[in-house]
Amino acid sequence: MGGISGIIYIASSLCFALSVGIGNTHVARVKEGWTERAILYVALIGRPGSNKSHPLSFAMQPLFEHDTAEVVKFKQAYREYDQVMMLSKKEREEQGFNAMPEEPLLKKYVVSDITPECLASIHENNKRGICLYSDELALWFKNFNLMKELIRLKYQVDDNGDLVSTELPFDHSSKEVLYGWQRKNTDLCNSESNEELQGTYSKLEIYAVRFGLILQEVRWLCGEAKKDCIDATSVEGAIELVEYFRQTACKAHLIIDTTARFEQLPSDKVKLYHALPPDFSTADGIKVASTFSMSPDSFKRFLSDLKGNLLDNYKHGCYRKLI
């Protein structure tokens, strides 16, 4: 794992693991009637061999270890429960057991390869929240104390046993930062002609709030902030995160769009495109085109047709392939 892709994979994985650790214990309150939980949907996408599994396994390892320990305790508790249930009601009372002992419940954070029916059942028994995890490879990494602290977060329950989330409001300065960014995001939504990107931009407003909650919790655990509200520093960090994901969404959309256009090219021009280096000058491109019996004028028309779609003309006479 190295370079910018390595940083992106580990940062995204950590954000996901932290959101699971917070679960339903805390929510961000933007205003009356609008609260957001630390819910994230994360998919690590890259070429085979780009080391996507390692960062996710590393980030999730404390949760895996917690769940493994809980399974051991659950199995022991269930064996004892079965033994008690084999006794008659009178024998239970004589031996100091409840007449109808409570059946043990498995407490866990992570589920994988599970049916919707089982997921609903497990979620009912884990009020704090769970995550659905899917990975090609499970690797062993040492844990880090921050996740252990999140796992130990205390929470309240009501008379029905349902979890009561602690609300973290935004303070005055953080609201100004958040609302200012929301206005800019709304302007971008209104000016964007592509409906798919419009939908993406509108979702970013929700994730700015969710990332703000996650960052505030993490900074509190690290002794850098209080936990009575979400401050401006957390919101500024959240905005940086969502702006990164805006860029990746635009890049993904461009790749999808350019790939569709690429498939419409004649086969001889597809071969020429593949033969060109990732970055090239017009002069270098003409040399490559000559091996395909294409004249300089025809190659220049080829460049003009692909400019802005499959080629980035980033400076005069210089091109960069987009796919």
Protein backbone atom coordinates (compact mmCIF):
# COMPACT_ATOMS: atom_id res chain seq x y z
CA MET A 1 0.00 0.00 0.00
CA GLY A 2 1.55 3.27 -1.03
CA GLY A 3 0.96 6.66 -2.60
CA ILE A 4 -2.29 8.57 -2.64
CA SER A 5 -4.42 5.46 -3.18
CA GLY A 6 -3.05 3.92 0.02
CA ILE A 7 -3.94 7.04 1.98
CA ILE A 8 -7.44 7.07 0.50
CA TYR A 9 -8.05 3.39 1.31
CA ILE A 10 -6.90 3.61 4.93
CA ALA A 11 -8.69 6.93 5.57
CA SER A 12 -11.97 5.63 4.15
CA SER A 13 -11.63 2.38 6.12
CA LEU A 14 -10.97 4.24 9.36
CA CYS A 15 -13.98 6.49 8.84
CA PHE A 16 -16.15 3.43 8.30
CA ALA A 17 -14.82 1.61 11.38
CA LEU A 18 -15.26 4.72 13.52
CA SER A 19 -18.86 5.11 12.35
CA VAL A 20 -19.54 1.52 13.45
CA GLY A 21 -17.94 2.18 16.83
CA ILE A 22 -20.18 5.21 17.41
CA GLY A 23 -23.26 3.38 16.15
CA ASN A 24 -26.53 4.68 17.56
CA THR A 25 -24.99 6.03 20.77
CA HIS A 26 -24.79 9.60 19.46
CA VAL A 27 -26.53 11.65 16.77
CA ALA A 28 -25.81 15.06 15.28
CA ARG A 29 -28.65 17.56 15.66
CA VAL A 30 -28.54 20.14 12.90
CA LYS A 31 -31.79 21.76 13.98
CA GLU A 32 -35.14 20.78 15.46
CA GLY A 33 -36.44 17.74 13.58
CA TRP A 34 -33.18 17.08 11.69
CA THR A 35 -30.74 14.60 13.24
CA GLU A 36 -28.18 12.38 11.57
CA ARG A 37 -26.52 9.20 12.78
CA ALA A 38 -22.94 8.20 11.96
CA ILE A 39 -24.05 5.92 9.11
CA LEU A 40 -21.61 5.41 6.24
CA TYR A 41 -21.75 3.24 3.12
CA VAL A 42 -18.19 2.59 1.95
CA ALA A 43 -16.88 0.65 -1.04
CA LEU A 44 -13.15 0.47 -1.79
CA ILE A 45 -12.70 0.29 -5.55
CA GLY A 46 -9.45 -0.33 -7.38
CA ARG A 47 -7.61 -2.60 -9.74
CA PRO A 48 -6.72 -6.16 -8.64
CA GLY A 49 -3.58 -6.10 -6.52
CA SER A 50 -4.03 -2.47 -5.45
CA ASN A 51 -4.13 -3.58 -1.80
CA LYS A 52 -7.72 -2.70 -0.91
CA SER A 53 -8.23 -5.48 1.64
CA HIS A 54 -5.40 -4.64 4.03
CA PRO A 55 -6.58 -1.17 5.12
CA LEU A 56 -10.14 -2.39 5.71
CA SER A 57 -8.98 -5.41 7.70
CA PHE A 58 -6.69 -3.20 9.79
CA ALA A 59 -9.44 -0.71 10.58
CA MET A 60 -12.02 -3.39 11.41
CA GLN A 61 -9.71 -5.65 13.46
CA PRO A 62 -10.69 -4.27 16.90
CA LEU A 63 -14.33 -4.96 16.07
CA PHE A 64 -13.52 -8.47 14.87
CA GLU A 65 -11.67 -9.18 18.12
CA HIS A 66 -14.53 -7.81 20.19
CA ASP A 67 -17.05 -10.00 18.36
CA THR A 68 -14.87 -13.09 18.74
CA ALA A 69 -14.72 -12.59 22.51
CA GLU A 70 -18.49 -12.02 22.62
CA VAL A 71 -19.13 -15.28 20.77
CA VAL A 72 -17.09 -17.19 23.37
CA LYS A 73 -19.09 -15.59 26.20
CA PHE A 74 -22.37 -16.21 24.37
CA LYS A 75 -21.66 -19.92 23.87
CA GLN A 76 -20.78 -20.35 27.54
CA ALA A 77 -23.89 -18.45 28.64
CA TYR A 78 -26.08 -20.52 26.33
CA ARG A 79 -24.69 -23.79 27.66
CA GLU A 80 -25.56 -22.64 31.18
CA TYR A 81 -28.99 -21.50 29.98
CA ASP A 82 -29.68 -24.91 28.42
CA GLN A 83 -28.72 -26.64 31.66
CA VAL A 84 -31.10 -24.44 33.64
CA MET A 85 -33.93 -24.97 31.16
CA MET A 86 -33.55 -28.74 31.53
CA LEU A 87 -34.56 -28.37 35.17
CA SER A 88 -38.17 -28.33 36.24
CA LYS A 89 -39.67 -25.07 37.48
CA LYS A 90 -39.51 -26.38 41.05
CA GLU A 91 -35.85 -27.39 40.67
CA ARG A 92 -34.97 -23.94 39.31
CA GLU A 93 -36.58 -22.26 42.28
CA GLU A 94 -34.85 -24.62 44.71
CA GLN A 95 -31.45 -23.93 43.16
CA GLY A 96 -31.98 -20.16 43.14
CA PHE A 97 -32.65 -19.68 39.42
CA ASN A 98 -35.46 -17.62 37.94
CA ALA A 99 -38.52 -19.62 37.01
CA MET A 100 -38.18 -18.34 33.43
CA PRO A 101 -34.53 -17.37 32.87
CA GLU A 102 -33.76 -14.87 30.13
CA GLU A 103 -32.32 -16.37 26.96
CA PRO A 104 -28.76 -15.09 26.23
CA LEU A 105 -28.35 -12.74 23.27
CA LEU A 106 -25.28 -12.46 21.06
CA LYS A 107 -23.90 -8.92 21.07
CA LYS A 108 -21.79 -8.08 18.04
CA TYR A 109 -20.75 -5.30 15.68
CA VAL A 110 -19.98 -7.04 12.39
CA VAL A 111 -21.99 -9.42 10.20
CA SER A 112 -20.97 -10.89 6.86
CA ASP A 113 -22.55 -13.19 4.25
CA ILE A 114 -25.94 -13.01 5.93
CA THR A 115 -29.55 -13.26 4.74
CA PRO A 116 -31.92 -10.29 5.19
CA GLU A 117 -33.99 -12.36 7.66
CA CYS A 118 -30.99 -13.13 9.88
CA LEU A 119 -29.80 -9.53 9.58
CA ALA A 120 -33.13 -8.26 10.92
CA SER A 121 -32.97 -10.68 13.84
CA ILE A 122 -29.39 -9.78 14.77
CA HIS A 123 -30.14 -6.07 14.46
CA GLU A 124 -33.09 -6.45 16.85
CA ASN A 125 -30.71 -7.87 19.47
CA ASN A 126 -28.02 -5.24 18.92
CA LYS A 127 -29.63 -1.88 19.58
CA ARG A 128 -26.31 -0.10 19.38
CA GLY A 129 -26.10 -0.87 15.67
CA ILE A 130 -24.23 -3.27 13.38
CA CYS A 131 -22.33 -3.16 10.11
CA LEU A 132 -22.54 -5.45 7.09
CA TYR A 133 -18.98 -6.23 6.09
CA SER A 134 -17.80 -7.95 2.92
CA ASP A 135 -14.18 -8.47 1.98
CA GLU A 136 -12.16 -10.74 -0.27
CA LEU A 137 -9.52 -11.40 2.35
CA ALA A 138 -9.42 -11.36 6.18
CA LEU A 139 -5.97 -10.39 7.43
CA TRP A 140 -4.56 -10.13 10.92
CA PHE A 141 -3.41 -6.70 12.09
CA LYS A 142 -2.73 -5.28 15.51
CA ASN A 143 -5.59 -3.17 16.86
CA PHE A 144 -5.49 0.45 17.95
CA ASN A 145 -6.79 1.86 21.25
CA LEU A 146 -9.16 4.40 19.70
CA MET A 147 -11.57 1.72 18.50
CA LYS A 148 -11.47 0.05 21.92
CA GLU A 149 -12.52 3.32 23.50
CA LEU A 150 -15.43 3.67 21.06
CA ILE A 151 -16.57 0.14 21.83
CA ARG A 152 -16.69 1.05 25.54
CA LEU A 153 -18.88 4.11 24.95
CA LYS A 154 -21.78 4.07 27.43
CA TYR A 155 -25.34 4.65 26.34
CA GLN A 156 -28.78 4.87 27.93
CA VAL A 157 -31.86 2.76 27.29
CA ASP A 158 -35.51 3.57 27.87
CA ASP A 159 -38.11 1.53 29.75
CA ASN A 160 -38.57 -0.70 26.68
CA GLY A 161 -34.88 -1.46 26.45
CA ASP A 162 -34.42 0.68 23.33
CA LEU A 163 -31.24 2.70 23.00
CA VAL A 164 -31.55 6.45 23.65
CA SER A 165 -29.06 8.37 21.49
CA THR A 166 -27.14 11.32 22.91
CA GLU A 167 -27.71 14.37 20.71
CA LEU A 168 -24.79 16.62 19.82
CA PRO A 169 -25.95 20.01 18.51
CA PHE A 170 -23.84 22.28 16.33
CA ASP A 171 -22.54 25.37 18.11
CA HIS A 172 -22.96 28.86 16.65
CA SER A 173 -19.65 29.02 14.78
CA SER A 174 -19.96 25.50 13.36
CA LYS A 175 -23.48 26.29 12.12
CA GLU A 176 -22.15 29.30 10.25
CA VAL A 177 -19.48 27.16 8.58
CA LEU A 178 -21.96 24.36 7.77
CA TYR A 179 -24.70 26.68 6.46
CA GLY A 180 -22.20 28.61 4.35
CA TRP A 181 -21.00 25.40 2.72
CA GLN A 182 -24.62 24.22 2.26
CA ARG A 183 -25.42 27.40 0.31
CA LYS A 184 -22.43 26.80 -1.99
CA ASN A 185 -23.43 23.16 -2.41
CA THR A 186 -26.98 24.22 -3.31
CA ASP A 187 -25.61 26.59 -5.95
CA LEU A 188 -23.55 23.74 -7.41
CA CYS A 189 -26.63 21.48 -7.46
CA ASN A 190 -28.64 24.14 -9.27
CA SER A 191 -25.91 24.84 -11.83
CA GLU A 192 -25.11 21.18 -12.57
CA SER A 193 -26.84 19.97 -15.74
CA ASN A 194 -26.16 16.27 -15.17
CA GLU A 195 -28.91 14.67 -13.09
CA GLU A 196 -26.66 11.94 -11.69
CA LEU A 197 -24.17 14.47 -10.35
CA GLN A 198 -27.03 16.61 -9.02
CA GLY A 199 -28.17 13.63 -6.97
CA THR A 200 -24.64 13.05 -5.71
CA TYR A 201 -24.20 16.68 -4.68
CA SER A 202 -27.47 16.71 -2.77
CA LYS A 203 -26.43 13.61 -0.77
CA LEU A 204 -23.19 15.33 0.30
CA GLU A 205 -25.19 17.62 2.58
CA ILE A 206 -26.18 14.63 4.72
CA TYR A 207 -22.65 13.24 4.81
CA ALA A 208 -21.17 16.57 5.86
CA VAL A 209 -23.27 16.29 9.02
CA ARG A 210 -22.39 12.62 9.57
CA PHE A 211 -18.65 13.20 9.14
CA GLY A 212 -18.90 16.15 11.52
CA LEU A 213 -20.33 13.83 14.19
CA ILE A 214 -17.63 11.19 13.58
CA LEU A 215 -14.78 13.70 13.74
CA GLN A 216 -16.13 15.32 16.90
CA GLU A 217 -16.32 11.91 18.65
CA VAL A 218 -12.79 11.01 17.54
CA ARG A 219 -11.34 14.37 18.63
CA TRP A 220 -13.06 13.96 22.03
CA LEU A 221 -11.51 10.50 22.46
CA CYS A 222 -8.09 11.96 21.59
CA GLY A 223 -8.52 14.77 24.15
CA GLU A 224 -8.71 17.48 21.49
CA ALA A 225 -12.33 18.57 21.96
CA LYS A 226 -15.39 18.37 24.18
CA LYS A 227 -18.40 16.17 23.52
CA ASP A 228 -21.23 18.57 24.34
CA CYS A 229 -21.55 19.88 20.77
CA ILE A 230 -20.03 19.68 17.28
CA ASP A 231 -17.55 22.52 16.79
CA ALA A 232 -16.28 24.38 13.75
CA THR A 233 -13.04 22.37 13.51
CA SER A 234 -14.99 19.14 13.07
CA VAL A 235 -17.27 20.72 10.48
CA GLU A 236 -14.32 22.08 8.51
CA GLY A 237 -12.78 18.61 8.50
CA ALA A 238 -16.10 17.10 7.42
CA ILE A 239 -16.33 19.55 4.52
CA GLU A 240 -12.83 18.59 3.37
CA LEU A 241 -13.90 14.94 3.36
CA VAL A 242 -17.11 15.48 1.39
CA GLU A 243 -15.30 17.72 -1.11
CA TYR A 244 -12.85 14.89 -1.71
CA PHE A 245 -15.75 12.52 -2.35
CA ARG A 246 -17.31 15.11 -4.68
CA GLN A 247 -14.11 15.02 -6.74
CA THR A 248 -14.08 11.22 -6.84
CA ALA A 249 -17.76 11.17 -7.88
CA CYS A 250 -17.02 13.55 -10.75
CA LYS A 251 -14.01 11.46 -11.76
CA ALA A 252 -16.07 8.24 -11.68
CA HIS A 253 -18.80 9.86 -13.76
CA LEU A 254 -16.21 11.03 -16.29
CA ILE A 255 -14.74 7.53 -16.56
CA ILE A 256 -18.18 5.99 -17.12
CA ASP A 257 -19.10 8.64 -19.67
CA THR A 258 -15.80 8.46 -21.57
CA THR A 259 -15.85 4.66 -21.56
CA ALA A 260 -19.23 4.72 -23.30
CA ARG A 261 -17.86 7.10 -25.91
CA PHE A 262 -14.71 5.02 -26.30
CA GLU A 263 -16.77 1.96 -27.17
CA GLN A 264 -18.30 3.91 -30.07
CA LEU A 265 -14.94 4.46 -31.78
CA PRO A 266 -13.98 2.43 -34.87
CA SER A 267 -11.64 -0.47 -34.09
CA ASP A 268 -8.63 1.11 -35.86
CA LYS A 269 -8.94 4.27 -33.74
CA VAL A 270 -9.34 2.20 -30.57
CA LYS A 271 -6.04 0.48 -31.38
CA LEU A 272 -4.39 3.85 -32.00
CA TYR A 273 -5.71 5.22 -28.70
CA HIS A 274 -4.30 2.21 -26.84
CA ALA A 275 -0.94 2.63 -28.59
CA LEU A 276 -0.57 6.24 -27.42
CA PRO A 277 1.35 6.79 -24.15
CA PRO A 278 -0.56 8.18 -21.12
CA ASP A 279 0.94 11.65 -21.76
CA PHE A 280 2.14 12.72 -25.20
CA SER A 281 2.84 15.70 -27.40
CA THR A 282 1.29 16.22 -30.82
CA ALA A 283 4.64 15.43 -32.43
CA ASP A 284 5.00 12.17 -30.49
CA GLY A 285 1.42 11.24 -31.34
CA ILE A 286 2.04 11.79 -35.05
CA LYS A 287 4.91 9.30 -34.86
CA VAL A 288 2.65 6.68 -33.26
CA ALA A 289 -0.13 7.41 -35.79
CA SER A 290 2.29 6.88 -38.69
CA THR A 291 2.66 3.23 -37.64
CA PHE A 292 -1.10 2.93 -38.29
CA SER A 293 -0.71 4.60 -41.73
CA MET A 294 -2.49 7.73 -40.49
CA SER A 295 -1.42 11.10 -41.90
CA PRO A 296 -0.55 14.02 -39.57
CA ASP A 297 -3.69 15.93 -40.64
CA SER A 298 -5.89 12.92 -39.95
CA PHE A 299 -4.25 12.48 -36.54
CA LYS A 300 -4.88 16.13 -35.68
CA ARG A 301 -8.57 15.65 -36.54
CA PHE A 302 -8.49 12.54 -34.33
CA LEU A 303 -7.15 14.69 -31.47
CA SER A 304 -9.80 17.33 -32.06
CA ASP A 305 -12.61 14.76 -32.00
CA LEU A 306 -11.41 13.21 -28.72
CA LYS A 307 -10.41 16.41 -26.92
CA GLY A 308 -12.48 16.91 -23.78
CA ASN A 309 -13.92 13.40 -23.97
CA LEU A 310 -11.10 10.86 -24.10
CA LEU A 311 -8.18 13.28 -24.14
CA ASP A 312 -7.27 16.17 -21.86
CA ASN A 313 -5.51 18.95 -23.75
CA TYR A 314 -3.90 20.26 -20.54
CA LYS A 315 -1.55 22.64 -22.35
CA HIS A 316 -0.76 23.65 -25.93
CA GLY A 317 0.41 20.63 -27.91
CA CYS A 318 0.23 18.26 -24.92
CA TYR A 319 -2.42 15.62 -24.24
CA ARG A 320 -3.28 13.18 -21.46
CA LYS A 321 -5.43 10.08 -21.91
CA LEU A 322 -8.48 9.99 -19.64
CA ILE A 323 -9.00 6.23 -19.62
